[in-house]
Amino acid sequence: MYLAENLPKALVPKYCGSVDNLIEDAYRALLNLKPGLKVEMAVELYRNKEVSLWKAADMAGTTVEEFKEILRSRGFRIEVRGSKEESERRIYRATGD
């Protein structure tokens, strides 16, 4: 509890600007130290239908195909939302082709 109580008092005024900024910076640092947590976070958000397959793959730092394989290895059934046209627009934006 020492850190939770005292770190914001020491860091927010001079370095972070707000407790929310401090927390966001702390999460970013944690994800950089433990990159596997990015995948775990992306899987959970995808499982809860909070992000699309494309967004989850981006968050995990993988391609869509790599992320699909991660999901398959965990027993997921892949659901692709959106129309064919929407998928083509996403591919165009991602590749420029």
PDB file of N, CA and C in Angstrom:
ATOM      1  N   MET A   1       0.807  -1.197   0.000  1.00  0.00           N
ATOM      2  CA  MET A   1       0.000   0.000   0.000  1.00  0.00           C
ATOM      3  C   MET A   1       0.853   1.264   0.000  1.00  0.00           C
ATOM      4  N   TYR A   2       2.087   1.147   0.426  1.00  0.00           N
ATOM      5  CA  TYR A   2       2.941   2.325   0.502  1.00  0.00           C
ATOM      6  C   TYR A   2       3.035   3.016  -0.855  1.00  0.00           C
ATOM      7  N   LEU A   3       3.330   2.230  -1.906  1.00  0.00           N
ATOM      8  CA  LEU A   3       3.452   2.823  -3.238  1.00  0.00           C
ATOM      9  C   LEU A   3       2.127   3.400  -3.711  1.00  0.00           C
ATOM     10  N   ALA A   4       1.061   2.657  -3.534  1.00  0.00           N
ATOM     11  CA  ALA A   4      -0.248   3.120  -4.001  1.00  0.00           C
ATOM     12  C   ALA A   4      -0.656   4.430  -3.339  1.00  0.00           C
ATOM     13  N   GLU A   5      -0.280   4.611  -2.103  1.00  0.00           N
ATOM     14  CA  GLU A   5      -0.657   5.829  -1.386  1.00  0.00           C
ATOM     15  C   GLU A   5       0.293   6.986  -1.658  1.00  0.00           C
ATOM     16  N   ASN A   6       1.579   6.708  -1.788  1.00  0.00           N
ATOM     17  CA  ASN A   6       2.568   7.782  -1.851  1.00  0.00           C
ATOM     18  C   ASN A   6       3.080   8.139  -3.243  1.00  0.00           C
ATOM     19  N   LEU A   7       3.081   7.190  -4.156  1.00  0.00           N
ATOM     20  CA  LEU A   7       3.580   7.480  -5.495  1.00  0.00           C
ATOM     21  C   LEU A   7       2.795   8.598  -6.181  1.00  0.00           C
ATOM     22  N   PRO A   8       1.469   8.557  -6.162  1.00  0.00           N
ATOM     23  CA  PRO A   8       0.730   9.663  -6.795  1.00  0.00           C
ATOM     24  C   PRO A   8       1.058  11.025  -6.187  1.00  0.00           C
ATOM     25  N   LYS A   9       1.202  11.083  -4.892  1.00  0.00           N
ATOM     26  CA  LYS A   9       1.519  12.361  -4.234  1.00  0.00           C
ATOM     27  C   LYS A   9       2.860  12.901  -4.705  1.00  0.00           C
ATOM     28  N   ALA A  10       3.812  11.998  -4.910  1.00  0.00           N
ATOM     29  CA  ALA A  10       5.161  12.411  -5.278  1.00  0.00           C
ATOM     30  C   ALA A  10       5.300  12.711  -6.772  1.00  0.00           C
ATOM     31  N   LEU A  11       4.602  11.964  -7.615  1.00  0.00           N
ATOM     32  CA  LEU A  11       4.825  12.067  -9.055  1.00  0.00           C
ATOM     33  C   LEU A  11       3.823  12.923  -9.817  1.00  0.00           C
ATOM     34  N   VAL A  12       2.577  12.897  -9.408  1.00  0.00           N
ATOM     35  CA  VAL A  12       1.545  13.584 -10.191  1.00  0.00           C
ATOM     36  C   VAL A  12       1.811  15.069 -10.363  1.00  0.00           C
ATOM     37  N   PRO A  13       2.059  15.808  -9.303  1.00  0.00           N
ATOM     38  CA  PRO A  13       2.206  17.259  -9.499  1.00  0.00           C
ATOM     39  C   PRO A  13       3.339  17.646 -10.442  1.00  0.00           C
ATOM     40  N   LYS A  14       4.462  16.966 -10.357  1.00  0.00           N
ATOM     41  CA  LYS A  14       5.640  17.373 -11.122  1.00  0.00           C
ATOM     42  C   LYS A  14       5.762  16.677 -12.478  1.00  0.00           C
ATOM     43  N   TYR A  15       5.382  15.409 -12.566  1.00  0.00           N
ATOM     44  CA  TYR A  15       5.690  14.624 -13.755  1.00  0.00           C
ATOM     45  C   TYR A  15       4.490  14.175 -14.588  1.00  0.00           C
ATOM     46  N   CYS A  16       3.357  13.965 -13.981  1.00  0.00           N
ATOM     47  CA  CYS A  16       2.266  13.298 -14.694  1.00  0.00           C
ATOM     48  C   CYS A  16       1.065  14.183 -15.003  1.00  0.00           C
ATOM     49  N   GLY A  17       0.807  15.150 -14.208  1.00  0.00           N
ATOM     50  CA  GLY A  17      -0.331  16.022 -14.447  1.00  0.00           C
ATOM     51  C   GLY A  17      -1.634  15.540 -13.839  1.00  0.00           C
ATOM     52  N   SER A  18      -1.851  14.231 -13.825  1.00  0.00           N
ATOM     53  CA  SER A  18      -3.068  13.688 -13.216  1.00  0.00           C
ATOM     54  C   SER A  18      -2.827  12.233 -12.829  1.00  0.00           C
ATOM     55  N   VAL A  19      -3.663  11.744 -11.941  1.00  0.00           N
ATOM     56  CA  VAL A  19      -3.565  10.342 -11.531  1.00  0.00           C
ATOM     57  C   VAL A  19      -3.861   9.441 -12.730  1.00  0.00           C
ATOM     58  N   ASP A  20      -4.809   9.836 -13.583  1.00  0.00           N
ATOM     59  CA  ASP A  20      -5.116   9.035 -14.773  1.00  0.00           C
ATOM     60  C   ASP A  20      -3.894   8.896 -15.677  1.00  0.00           C
ATOM     61  N   ASN A  21      -3.150   9.983 -15.870  1.00  0.00           N
ATOM     62  CA  ASN A  21      -1.927   9.920 -16.683  1.00  0.00           C
ATOM     63  C   ASN A  21      -0.893   9.005 -16.048  1.00  0.00           C
ATOM     64  N   LEU A  22      -0.760   9.077 -14.730  1.00  0.00           N
ATOM     65  CA  LEU A  22       0.176   8.211 -14.013  1.00  0.00           C
ATOM     66  C   LEU A  22      -0.195   6.744 -14.215  1.00  0.00           C
ATOM     67  N   ILE A  23      -1.471   6.431 -14.080  1.00  0.00           N
ATOM     68  CA  ILE A  23      -1.933   5.050 -14.244  1.00  0.00           C
ATOM     69  C   ILE A  23      -1.702   4.575 -15.676  1.00  0.00           C
ATOM     70  N   GLU A  24      -2.017   5.422 -16.649  1.00  0.00           N
ATOM     71  CA  GLU A  24      -1.806   5.047 -18.049  1.00  0.00           C
ATOM     72  C   GLU A  24      -0.325   4.799 -18.331  1.00  0.00           C
ATOM     73  N   ASP A  25       0.542   5.669 -17.822  1.00  0.00           N
ATOM     74  CA  ASP A  25       1.985   5.475 -17.996  1.00  0.00           C
ATOM     75  C   ASP A  25       2.453   4.183 -17.331  1.00  0.00           C
ATOM     76  N   ALA A  26       1.903   3.886 -16.160  1.00  0.00           N
ATOM     77  CA  ALA A  26       2.279   2.661 -15.446  1.00  0.00           C
ATOM     78  C   ALA A  26       1.861   1.424 -16.244  1.00  0.00           C
ATOM     79  N   TYR A  27       0.656   1.448 -16.821  1.00  0.00           N
ATOM     80  CA  TYR A  27       0.209   0.323 -17.645  1.00  0.00           C
ATOM     81  C   TYR A  27       1.092   0.161 -18.879  1.00  0.00           C
ATOM     82  N   ARG A  28       1.430   1.265 -19.519  1.00  0.00           N
ATOM     83  CA  ARG A  28       2.308   1.187 -20.699  1.00  0.00           C
ATOM     84  C   ARG A  28       3.664   0.579 -20.328  1.00  0.00           C
ATOM     85  N   ALA A  29       4.210   1.010 -19.199  1.00  0.00           N
ATOM     86  CA  ALA A  29       5.499   0.471 -18.752  1.00  0.00           C
ATOM     87  C   ALA A  29       5.385  -1.028 -18.477  1.00  0.00           C
ATOM     88  N   LEU A  30       4.301  -1.439 -17.843  1.00  0.00           N
ATOM     89  CA  LEU A  30       4.082  -2.854 -17.557  1.00  0.00           C
ATOM     90  C   LEU A  30       3.999  -3.664 -18.851  1.00  0.00           C
ATOM     91  N   LEU A  31       3.253  -3.160 -19.827  1.00  0.00           N
ATOM     92  CA  LEU A  31       3.119  -3.872 -21.097  1.00  0.00           C
ATOM     93  C   LEU A  31       4.440  -3.936 -21.853  1.00  0.00           C
ATOM     94  N   ASN A  32       5.280  -2.920 -21.701  1.00  0.00           N
ATOM     95  CA  ASN A  32       6.602  -2.959 -22.330  1.00  0.00           C
ATOM     96  C   ASN A  32       7.519  -3.958 -21.639  1.00  0.00           C
ATOM     97  N   LEU A  33       7.393  -4.079 -20.319  1.00  0.00           N
ATOM     98  CA  LEU A  33       8.211  -5.039 -19.576  1.00  0.00           C
ATOM     99  C   LEU A  33       7.760  -6.477 -19.803  1.00  0.00           C
ATOM    100  N   LYS A  34       6.460  -6.655 -20.005  1.00  0.00           N
ATOM    101  CA  LYS A  34       5.888  -7.993 -20.169  1.00  0.00           C
ATOM    102  C   LYS A  34       5.015  -8.011 -21.421  1.00  0.00           C
ATOM    103  N   PRO A  35       5.637  -8.101 -22.597  1.00  0.00           N
ATOM    104  CA  PRO A  35       4.883  -8.017 -23.852  1.00  0.00           C
ATOM    105  C   PRO A  35       3.784  -9.068 -23.993  1.00  0.00           C
ATOM    106  N   GLY A  36       3.937 -10.199 -23.340  1.00  0.00           N
ATOM    107  CA  GLY A  36       2.906 -11.234 -23.401  1.00  0.00           C
ATOM    108  C   GLY A  36       1.571 -10.762 -22.858  1.00  0.00           C
ATOM    109  N   LEU A  37       1.609  -9.771 -21.982  1.00  0.00           N
ATOM    110  CA  LEU A  37       0.362  -9.230 -21.441  1.00  0.00           C
ATOM    111  C   LEU A  37      -0.455  -8.513 -22.507  1.00  0.00           C
ATOM    112  N   LYS A  38       0.206  -8.008 -23.554  1.00  0.00           N
ATOM    113  CA  LYS A  38      -0.526  -7.374 -24.655  1.00  0.00           C
ATOM    114  C   LYS A  38      -1.441  -8.400 -25.317  1.00  0.00           C
ATOM    115  N   VAL A  39      -0.912  -9.594 -25.520  1.00  0.00           N
ATOM    116  CA  VAL A  39      -1.705 -10.660 -26.127  1.00  0.00           C
ATOM    117  C   VAL A  39      -2.856 -11.031 -25.203  1.00  0.00           C
ATOM    118  N   GLU A  40      -2.565 -11.191 -23.916  1.00  0.00           N
ATOM    119  CA  GLU A  40      -3.618 -11.556 -22.960  1.00  0.00           C
ATOM    120  C   GLU A  40      -4.722 -10.503 -22.929  1.00  0.00           C
ATOM    121  N   MET A  41      -4.336  -9.236 -22.922  1.00  0.00           N
ATOM    122  CA  MET A  41      -5.308  -8.150 -22.905  1.00  0.00           C
ATOM    123  C   MET A  41      -6.157  -8.188 -24.175  1.00  0.00           C
ATOM    124  N   ALA A  42      -5.506  -8.360 -25.321  1.00  0.00           N
ATOM    125  CA  ALA A  42      -6.222  -8.392 -26.592  1.00  0.00           C
ATOM    126  C   ALA A  42      -7.188  -9.573 -26.653  1.00  0.00           C
ATOM    127  N   VAL A  43      -6.760 -10.734 -26.172  1.00  0.00           N
ATOM    128  CA  VAL A  43      -7.625 -11.917 -26.163  1.00  0.00           C
ATOM    129  C   VAL A  43      -8.855 -11.657 -25.297  1.00  0.00           C
ATOM    130  N   GLU A  44      -8.658 -11.106 -24.117  1.00  0.00           N
ATOM    131  CA  GLU A  44      -9.791 -10.833 -23.221  1.00  0.00           C
ATOM    132  C   GLU A  44     -10.763  -9.824 -23.817  1.00  0.00           C
ATOM    133  N   LEU A  45     -10.229  -8.759 -24.403  1.00  0.00           N
ATOM    134  CA  LEU A  45     -11.104  -7.755 -25.012  1.00  0.00           C
ATOM    135  C   LEU A  45     -11.863  -8.342 -26.195  1.00  0.00           C
ATOM    136  N   TYR A  46     -11.204  -9.195 -26.977  1.00  0.00           N
ATOM    137  CA  TYR A  46     -11.876  -9.859 -28.093  1.00  0.00           C
ATOM    138  C   TYR A  46     -12.928 -10.841 -27.566  1.00  0.00           C
ATOM    139  N   ARG A  47     -12.580 -11.596 -26.537  1.00  0.00           N
ATOM    140  CA  ARG A  47     -13.510 -12.568 -25.950  1.00  0.00           C
ATOM    141  C   ARG A  47     -14.797 -11.873 -25.481  1.00  0.00           C
ATOM    142  N   ASN A  48     -14.631 -10.690 -24.905  1.00  0.00           N
ATOM    143  CA  ASN A  48     -15.778  -9.931 -24.390  1.00  0.00           C
ATOM    144  C   ASN A  48     -16.447  -9.063 -25.450  1.00  0.00           C
ATOM    145  N   LYS A  49     -16.006  -9.232 -26.708  1.00  0.00           N
ATOM    146  CA  LYS A  49     -16.558  -8.491 -27.849  1.00  0.00           C
ATOM    147  C   LYS A  49     -16.454  -6.983 -27.680  1.00  0.00           C
ATOM    148  N   GLU A  50     -15.369  -6.560 -27.022  1.00  0.00           N
ATOM    149  CA  GLU A  50     -15.125  -5.130 -26.835  1.00  0.00           C
ATOM    150  C   GLU A  50     -14.298  -4.548 -27.967  1.00  0.00           C
ATOM    151  N   VAL A  51     -13.578  -5.408 -28.698  1.00  0.00           N
ATOM    152  CA  VAL A  51     -12.796  -4.972 -29.855  1.00  0.00           C
ATOM    153  C   VAL A  51     -12.972  -5.985 -30.979  1.00  0.00           C
ATOM    154  N   SER A  52     -12.746  -5.519 -32.197  1.00  0.00           N
ATOM    155  CA  SER A  52     -12.813  -6.396 -33.364  1.00  0.00           C
ATOM    156  C   SER A  52     -11.566  -7.271 -33.435  1.00  0.00           C
ATOM    157  N   LEU A  53     -11.625  -8.244 -34.303  1.00  0.00           N
ATOM    158  CA  LEU A  53     -10.466  -9.102 -34.539  1.00  0.00           C
ATOM    159  C   LEU A  53      -9.274  -8.268 -35.001  1.00  0.00           C
ATOM    160  N   TRP A  54      -9.522  -7.330 -35.890  1.00  0.00           N
ATOM    161  CA  TRP A  54      -8.457  -6.469 -36.416  1.00  0.00           C
ATOM    162  C   TRP A  54      -7.820  -5.649 -35.301  1.00  0.00           C
ATOM    163  N   LYS A  55      -8.664  -5.039 -34.463  1.00  0.00           N
ATOM    164  CA  LYS A  55      -8.164  -4.197 -33.374  1.00  0.00           C
ATOM    165  C   LYS A  55      -7.399  -5.047 -32.362  1.00  0.00           C
ATOM    166  N   ALA A  56      -7.917  -6.227 -32.042  1.00  0.00           N
ATOM    167  CA  ALA A  56      -7.243  -7.107 -31.083  1.00  0.00           C
ATOM    168  C   ALA A  56      -5.864  -7.514 -31.599  1.00  0.00           C
ATOM    169  N   ALA A  57      -5.783  -7.848 -32.884  1.00  0.00           N
ATOM    170  CA  ALA A  57      -4.488  -8.220 -33.465  1.00  0.00           C
ATOM    171  C   ALA A  57      -3.512  -7.060 -33.374  1.00  0.00           C
ATOM    172  N   ASP A  58      -3.993  -5.867 -33.666  1.00  0.00           N
ATOM    173  CA  ASP A  58      -3.144  -4.676 -33.580  1.00  0.00           C
ATOM    174  C   ASP A  58      -2.658  -4.460 -32.146  1.00  0.00           C
ATOM    175  N   MET A  59      -3.559  -4.589 -31.179  1.00  0.00           N
ATOM    176  CA  MET A  59      -3.193  -4.410 -29.772  1.00  0.00           C
ATOM    177  C   MET A  59      -2.155  -5.439 -29.338  1.00  0.00           C
ATOM    178  N   ALA A  60      -2.286  -6.656 -29.850  1.00  0.00           N
ATOM    179  CA  ALA A  60      -1.369  -7.740 -29.480  1.00  0.00           C
ATOM    180  C   ALA A  60      -0.020  -7.612 -30.180  1.00  0.00           C
ATOM    181  N   GLY A  61       0.037  -6.751 -31.195  1.00  0.00           N
ATOM    182  CA  GLY A  61       1.284  -6.602 -31.942  1.00  0.00           C
ATOM    183  C   GLY A  61       1.512  -7.737 -32.926  1.00  0.00           C
ATOM    184  N   THR A  62       0.413  -8.302 -33.424  1.00  0.00           N
ATOM    185  CA  THR A  62       0.494  -9.414 -34.365  1.00  0.00           C
ATOM    186  C   THR A  62      -0.269  -9.060 -35.635  1.00  0.00           C
ATOM    187  N   THR A  63      -0.110  -9.896 -36.647  1.00  0.00           N
ATOM    188  CA  THR A  63      -0.970  -9.782 -37.821  1.00  0.00           C
ATOM    189  C   THR A  63      -2.310 -10.420 -37.465  1.00  0.00           C
ATOM    190  N   VAL A  64      -3.310 -10.179 -38.296  1.00  0.00           N
ATOM    191  CA  VAL A  64      -4.619 -10.792 -38.059  1.00  0.00           C
ATOM    192  C   VAL A  64      -4.499 -12.309 -38.109  1.00  0.00           C
ATOM    193  N   GLU A  65      -3.748 -12.818 -39.071  1.00  0.00           N
ATOM    194  CA  GLU A  65      -3.594 -14.271 -39.189  1.00  0.00           C
ATOM    195  C   GLU A  65      -2.883 -14.861 -37.968  1.00  0.00           C
ATOM    196  N   GLU A  66      -1.860 -14.188 -37.478  1.00  0.00           N
ATOM    197  CA  GLU A  66      -1.166 -14.666 -36.272  1.00  0.00           C
ATOM    198  C   GLU A  66      -2.111 -14.652 -35.073  1.00  0.00           C
ATOM    199  N   PHE A  67      -2.913 -13.608 -34.967  1.00  0.00           N
ATOM    200  CA  PHE A  67      -3.842 -13.525 -33.841  1.00  0.00           C
ATOM    201  C   PHE A  67      -4.923 -14.602 -33.953  1.00  0.00           C
ATOM    202  N   LYS A  68      -5.389 -14.868 -35.167  1.00  0.00           N
ATOM    203  CA  LYS A  68      -6.359 -15.955 -35.359  1.00  0.00           C
ATOM    204  C   LYS A  68      -5.773 -17.274 -34.864  1.00  0.00           C
ATOM    205  N   GLU A  69      -4.498 -17.502 -35.160  1.00  0.00           N
ATOM    206  CA  GLU A  69      -3.845 -18.740 -34.723  1.00  0.00           C
ATOM    207  C   GLU A  69      -3.762 -18.802 -33.196  1.00  0.00           C
ATOM    208  N   ILE A  70      -3.471 -17.676 -32.560  1.00  0.00           N
ATOM    209  CA  ILE A  70      -3.459 -17.620 -31.091  1.00  0.00           C
ATOM    210  C   ILE A  70      -4.836 -17.993 -30.560  1.00  0.00           C
ATOM    211  N   LEU A  71      -5.872 -17.426 -31.169  1.00  0.00           N
ATOM    212  CA  LEU A  71      -7.240 -17.719 -30.729  1.00  0.00           C
ATOM    213  C   LEU A  71      -7.582 -19.190 -30.947  1.00  0.00           C
ATOM    214  N   ARG A  72      -7.238 -19.720 -32.112  1.00  0.00           N
ATOM    215  CA  ARG A  72      -7.521 -21.135 -32.395  1.00  0.00           C
ATOM    216  C   ARG A  72      -6.829 -22.042 -31.381  1.00  0.00           C
ATOM    217  N   SER A  73      -5.583 -21.701 -31.035  1.00  0.00           N
ATOM    218  CA  SER A  73      -4.835 -22.536 -30.084  1.00  0.00           C
ATOM    219  C   SER A  73      -5.476 -22.524 -28.701  1.00  0.00           C
ATOM    220  N   ARG A  74      -6.319 -21.530 -28.455  1.00  0.00           N
ATOM    221  CA  ARG A  74      -7.022 -21.427 -27.172  1.00  0.00           C
ATOM    222  C   ARG A  74      -8.473 -21.880 -27.281  1.00  0.00           C
ATOM    223  N   GLY A  75      -8.809 -22.481 -28.405  1.00  0.00           N
ATOM    224  CA  GLY A  75     -10.140 -23.049 -28.573  1.00  0.00           C
ATOM    225  C   GLY A  75     -11.220 -22.074 -29.007  1.00  0.00           C
ATOM    226  N   PHE A  76     -10.846 -20.921 -29.502  1.00  0.00           N
ATOM    227  CA  PHE A  76     -11.829 -19.944 -29.964  1.00  0.00           C
ATOM    228  C   PHE A  76     -12.359 -20.323 -31.338  1.00  0.00           C
ATOM    229  N   ARG A  77     -13.611 -19.981 -31.566  1.00  0.00           N
ATOM    230  CA  ARG A  77     -14.182 -20.023 -32.900  1.00  0.00           C
ATOM    231  C   ARG A  77     -14.108 -18.601 -33.428  1.00  0.00           C
ATOM    232  N   ILE A  78     -13.530 -18.395 -34.577  1.00  0.00           N
ATOM    233  CA  ILE A  78     -13.297 -17.060 -35.110  1.00  0.00           C
ATOM    234  C   ILE A  78     -14.575 -16.513 -35.727  1.00  0.00           C
ATOM    235  N   GLU A  79     -14.941 -15.310 -35.294  1.00  0.00           N
ATOM    236  CA  GLU A  79     -16.089 -14.611 -35.864  1.00  0.00           C
ATOM    237  C   GLU A  79     -15.575 -13.351 -36.544  1.00  0.00           C
ATOM    238  N   VAL A  80     -15.937 -13.200 -37.801  1.00  0.00           N
ATOM    239  CA  VAL A  80     -15.556 -11.990 -38.519  1.00  0.00           C
ATOM    240  C   VAL A  80     -16.820 -11.174 -38.723  1.00  0.00           C
ATOM    241  N   ARG A  81     -16.819  -9.962 -38.172  1.00  0.00           N
ATOM    242  CA  ARG A  81     -17.985  -9.091 -38.276  1.00  0.00           C
ATOM    243  C   ARG A  81     -17.816  -8.130 -39.442  1.00  0.00           C
ATOM    244  N   GLY A  82     -18.933  -7.684 -39.955  1.00  0.00           N
ATOM    245  CA  GLY A  82     -18.898  -6.682 -41.010  1.00  0.00           C
ATOM    246  C   GLY A  82     -19.102  -7.305 -42.379  1.00  0.00           C
ATOM    247  N   SER A  83     -19.372  -6.455 -43.329  1.00  0.00           N
ATOM    248  CA  SER A  83     -19.625  -6.896 -44.693  1.00  0.00           C
ATOM    249  C   SER A  83     -18.313  -7.155 -45.428  1.00  0.00           C
ATOM    250  N   LYS A  84     -18.444  -7.763 -46.593  1.00  0.00           N
ATOM    251  CA  LYS A  84     -17.275  -8.000 -47.432  1.00  0.00           C
ATOM    252  C   LYS A  84     -16.635  -6.669 -47.814  1.00  0.00           C
ATOM    253  N   GLU A  85     -17.467  -5.670 -48.115  1.00  0.00           N
ATOM    254  CA  GLU A  85     -16.960  -4.350 -48.496  1.00  0.00           C
ATOM    255  C   GLU A  85     -16.170  -3.717 -47.354  1.00  0.00           C
ATOM    256  N   GLU A  86     -16.685  -3.861 -46.139  1.00  0.00           N
ATOM    257  CA  GLU A  86     -15.988  -3.313 -44.971  1.00  0.00           C
ATOM    258  C   GLU A  86     -14.629  -3.991 -44.788  1.00  0.00           C
ATOM    259  N   SER A  87     -14.598  -5.291 -44.964  1.00  0.00           N
ATOM    260  CA  SER A  87     -13.331  -6.023 -44.855  1.00  0.00           C
ATOM    261  C   SER A  87     -12.351  -5.566 -45.926  1.00  0.00           C
ATOM    262  N   GLU A  88     -12.851  -5.370 -47.144  1.00  0.00           N
ATOM    263  CA  GLU A  88     -11.980  -4.903 -48.221  1.00  0.00           C
ATOM    264  C   GLU A  88     -11.434  -3.510 -47.927  1.00  0.00           C
ATOM    265  N   ARG A  89     -12.260  -2.630 -47.345  1.00  0.00           N
ATOM    266  CA  ARG A  89     -11.788  -1.291 -46.967  1.00  0.00           C
ATOM    267  C   ARG A  89     -10.693  -1.388 -45.910  1.00  0.00           C
ATOM    268  N   ARG A  90     -10.872  -2.272 -44.941  1.00  0.00           N
ATOM    269  CA  ARG A  90      -9.851  -2.455 -43.902  1.00  0.00           C
ATOM    270  C   ARG A  90      -8.538  -2.937 -44.510  1.00  0.00           C
ATOM    271  N   ILE A  91      -8.642  -3.891 -45.412  1.00  0.00           N
ATOM    272  CA  ILE A  91      -7.437  -4.412 -46.062  1.00  0.00           C
ATOM    273  C   ILE A  91      -6.759  -3.302 -46.849  1.00  0.00           C
ATOM    274  N   TYR A  92      -7.545  -2.511 -47.569  1.00  0.00           N
ATOM    275  CA  TYR A  92      -6.976  -1.405 -48.348  1.00  0.00           C
ATOM    276  C   TYR A  92      -6.262  -0.414 -47.437  1.00  0.00           C
ATOM    277  N   ARG A  93      -6.912  -0.052 -46.321  1.00  0.00           N
ATOM    278  CA  ARG A  93      -6.284   0.897 -45.387  1.00  0.00           C
ATOM    279  C   ARG A  93      -5.003   0.318 -44.799  1.00  0.00           C
ATOM    280  N   ALA A  94      -5.008  -0.976 -44.533  1.00  0.00           N
ATOM    281  CA  ALA A  94      -3.838  -1.600 -43.910  1.00  0.00           C
ATOM    282  C   ALA A  94      -2.677  -1.761 -44.884  1.00  0.00           C
ATOM    283  N   THR A  95      -2.998  -2.050 -46.144  1.00  0.00           N
ATOM    284  CA  THR A  95      -1.934  -2.352 -47.099  1.00  0.00           C
ATOM    285  C   THR A  95      -1.714  -1.271 -48.145  1.00  0.00           C
ATOM    286  N   GLY A  96      -2.735  -0.459 -48.381  1.00  0.00           N
ATOM    287  CA  GLY A  96      -2.631   0.564 -49.418  1.00  0.00           C
ATOM    288  C   GLY A  96      -2.812   0.003 -50.816  1.00  0.00           C
ATOM    289  N   ASP A  97      -3.181  -1.290 -50.911  1.00  0.00           N
ATOM    290  CA  ASP A  97      -3.394  -1.927 -52.231  1.00  0.00           C
ATOM    291  C   ASP A  97      -4.838  -1.815 -52.651  1.00  0.00           C
TER     292      ASP A  97
END
